[in-house]
């Protein structure tokens, strides 16, 4: 139990420090983001929109758990079918935007492990919104 508590605390401390960094903004549910590149699009997706995105997902220690860029093609999916924090980011992005997004466990996979993602994990995503279908 102590390892879970320590892991949870490290993730909470990471977000607290990130929140204080220059250029980091906050969405609802504690989701943080930093704009890497602003796109030229003027439309944002909706929950039922199908989007095409490139993304790299890591933990706070930098260990990668998913990477569309390594696969060589962007992923397409419905906005409402991803974890809440990823969805919140997409709902505020324009085509061409690239953001670093920091998702607290409450807006990610929660307290329980999901595959190779431990419970209480902050999810760090480099997201580029390529297109809205």
Protein backbone atom coordinates (compact mmCIF):
# COMPACT_ATOMS: atom_id res chain seq x y z
CA UNK A 1 0.00 0.00 0.00
CA UNK A 2 2.86 2.39 0.75
CA UNK A 3 4.14 2.14 -2.85
CA UNK A 4 0.74 3.20 -4.22
CA UNK A 5 0.61 6.14 -1.82
CA UNK A 6 4.14 7.18 -2.78
CA UNK A 7 3.34 6.87 -6.50
CA UNK A 8 0.15 8.91 -6.09
CA UNK A 9 2.04 11.60 -4.16
CA UNK A 10 4.80 11.83 -6.81
CA UNK A 11 2.15 12.31 -9.48
CA UNK A 12 0.33 14.98 -7.45
CA UNK A 13 3.62 16.82 -6.80
CA UNK A 14 4.46 16.69 -10.51
CA UNK A 15 1.16 18.38 -11.38
CA UNK A 16 1.55 20.99 -8.64
CA UNK A 17 4.99 21.92 -9.99
CA UNK A 18 3.77 21.89 -13.60
CA UNK A 19 0.88 24.20 -12.66
CA UNK A 20 3.43 26.85 -11.59
CA UNK A 21 5.42 26.79 -14.85
CA UNK A 22 5.20 29.73 -17.20
CA UNK A 23 2.86 29.14 -20.14
CA UNK A 24 0.94 26.29 -18.51
CA UNK A 25 -2.81 26.78 -18.54
CA UNK A 26 -5.60 24.84 -16.86
CA UNK A 27 -8.80 23.34 -18.18
CA UNK A 28 -11.57 21.94 -15.99
CA UNK A 29 -10.90 18.85 -13.85
CA UNK A 30 -7.31 19.93 -13.26
CA UNK A 31 -6.15 19.13 -16.80
CA UNK A 32 -3.09 21.24 -17.60
CA UNK A 33 -1.69 22.12 -21.01
CA UNK A 34 1.03 24.13 -22.71
CA UNK A 35 0.68 25.26 -26.32
CA UNK A 36 3.60 24.03 -28.43
CA UNK A 37 2.21 25.21 -31.77
CA UNK A 38 -0.91 27.15 -32.69
CA UNK A 39 -2.76 25.93 -35.74
CA UNK A 40 -4.60 28.04 -38.27
CA UNK A 41 -7.95 26.31 -37.86
CA UNK A 42 -10.96 28.11 -36.42
CA UNK A 43 -13.23 25.14 -35.68
CA UNK A 44 -12.99 22.96 -32.57
CA UNK A 45 -14.23 19.37 -32.40
CA UNK A 46 -17.36 18.29 -30.55
CA UNK A 47 -17.91 15.14 -28.48
CA UNK A 48 -19.29 13.25 -31.47
CA UNK A 49 -16.62 14.50 -33.92
CA UNK A 50 -14.20 12.05 -35.44
CA UNK A 51 -10.69 13.49 -35.29
CA UNK A 52 -7.29 12.52 -36.60
CA UNK A 53 -4.44 13.11 -34.14
CA UNK A 54 -0.80 12.37 -33.68
CA UNK A 55 0.09 11.78 -30.05
CA UNK A 56 2.78 10.46 -27.75
CA UNK A 57 1.71 9.30 -24.29
CA UNK A 58 4.18 9.09 -21.41
CA UNK A 59 4.25 8.87 -17.64
CA UNK A 60 5.79 11.65 -15.51
CA UNK A 61 9.16 9.86 -15.64
CA UNK A 62 9.16 10.08 -19.43
CA UNK A 63 8.49 6.37 -20.03
CA UNK A 64 6.36 6.01 -23.14
CA UNK A 65 3.18 3.94 -23.17
CA UNK A 66 1.78 4.85 -26.62
CA UNK A 67 3.04 6.64 -29.71
CA UNK A 68 1.20 7.18 -33.00
CA UNK A 69 4.28 8.81 -34.52
CA UNK A 70 6.29 5.60 -34.13
CA UNK A 71 3.51 3.75 -35.95
CA UNK A 72 3.95 6.22 -38.81
CA UNK A 73 0.36 7.41 -39.11
CA UNK A 74 -2.08 9.48 -37.04
CA UNK A 75 -4.94 7.79 -35.21
CA UNK A 76 -8.62 8.51 -35.91
CA UNK A 77 -11.30 8.19 -33.25
CA UNK A 78 -14.45 9.80 -31.88
CA UNK A 79 -13.65 12.52 -29.32
CA UNK A 80 -16.18 11.20 -26.79
CA UNK A 81 -14.51 7.78 -26.69
CA UNK A 82 -11.21 8.78 -25.07
CA UNK A 83 -10.37 9.43 -21.41
CA UNK A 84 -11.86 12.63 -20.01
CA UNK A 85 -8.64 14.64 -19.90
CA UNK A 86 -7.75 13.84 -23.51
CA UNK A 87 -11.33 14.69 -24.53
CA UNK A 88 -11.22 18.03 -22.68
CA UNK A 89 -8.03 18.99 -24.48
CA UNK A 90 -9.39 18.04 -27.91
CA UNK A 91 -12.59 20.03 -27.32
CA UNK A 92 -10.44 23.15 -26.97
CA UNK A 93 -7.98 22.55 -29.81
CA UNK A 94 -8.05 23.80 -33.39
CA UNK A 95 -6.69 21.92 -36.40
CA UNK A 96 -2.92 22.32 -36.43
CA UNK A 97 -2.66 22.91 -32.67
CA UNK A 98 -0.02 20.91 -30.85
CA UNK A 99 -0.22 20.82 -27.06
CA UNK A 100 1.54 19.16 -24.17
CA UNK A 101 -1.30 17.93 -21.97
CA UNK A 102 -0.99 16.79 -18.34
CA UNK A 103 -3.94 14.70 -17.20
CA UNK A 104 -4.44 13.94 -13.49
CA UNK A 105 -5.45 10.39 -12.69
CA UNK A 106 -9.01 11.48 -11.90
CA UNK A 107 -9.44 12.58 -15.55
CA UNK A 108 -7.43 9.63 -16.87
CA UNK A 109 -7.69 5.98 -15.88
CA UNK A 110 -8.35 6.61 -12.19
CA UNK A 111 -7.20 4.60 -9.18
CA UNK A 112 -7.05 1.22 -10.90
CA UNK A 113 -4.46 -0.04 -13.36
CA UNK A 114 -5.48 -0.22 -17.01
CA UNK A 115 -3.19 -2.50 -19.01
CA UNK A 116 0.34 -1.16 -18.65
CA UNK A 117 -0.87 2.05 -16.97
CA UNK A 118 -0.72 1.91 -13.16
CA UNK A 119 -3.50 3.40 -11.05
CA UNK A 120 -2.99 7.04 -9.96
CA UNK A 121 -0.97 7.79 -13.11
CA UNK A 122 -0.70 11.28 -14.47
CA UNK A 123 -0.85 10.95 -18.24
CA UNK A 124 1.40 13.23 -20.26
CA UNK A 125 0.44 13.63 -23.90
CA UNK A 126 2.00 15.47 -26.80
CA UNK A 127 -1.13 15.92 -28.95
CA UNK A 128 -1.35 17.35 -32.46
CA UNK A 129 -4.84 17.78 -33.90
CA UNK A 130 -4.38 16.92 -37.57
CA UNK A 131 -7.98 16.99 -38.82
CA UNK A 132 -11.65 17.03 -37.87
CA UNK A 133 -13.68 14.76 -40.14
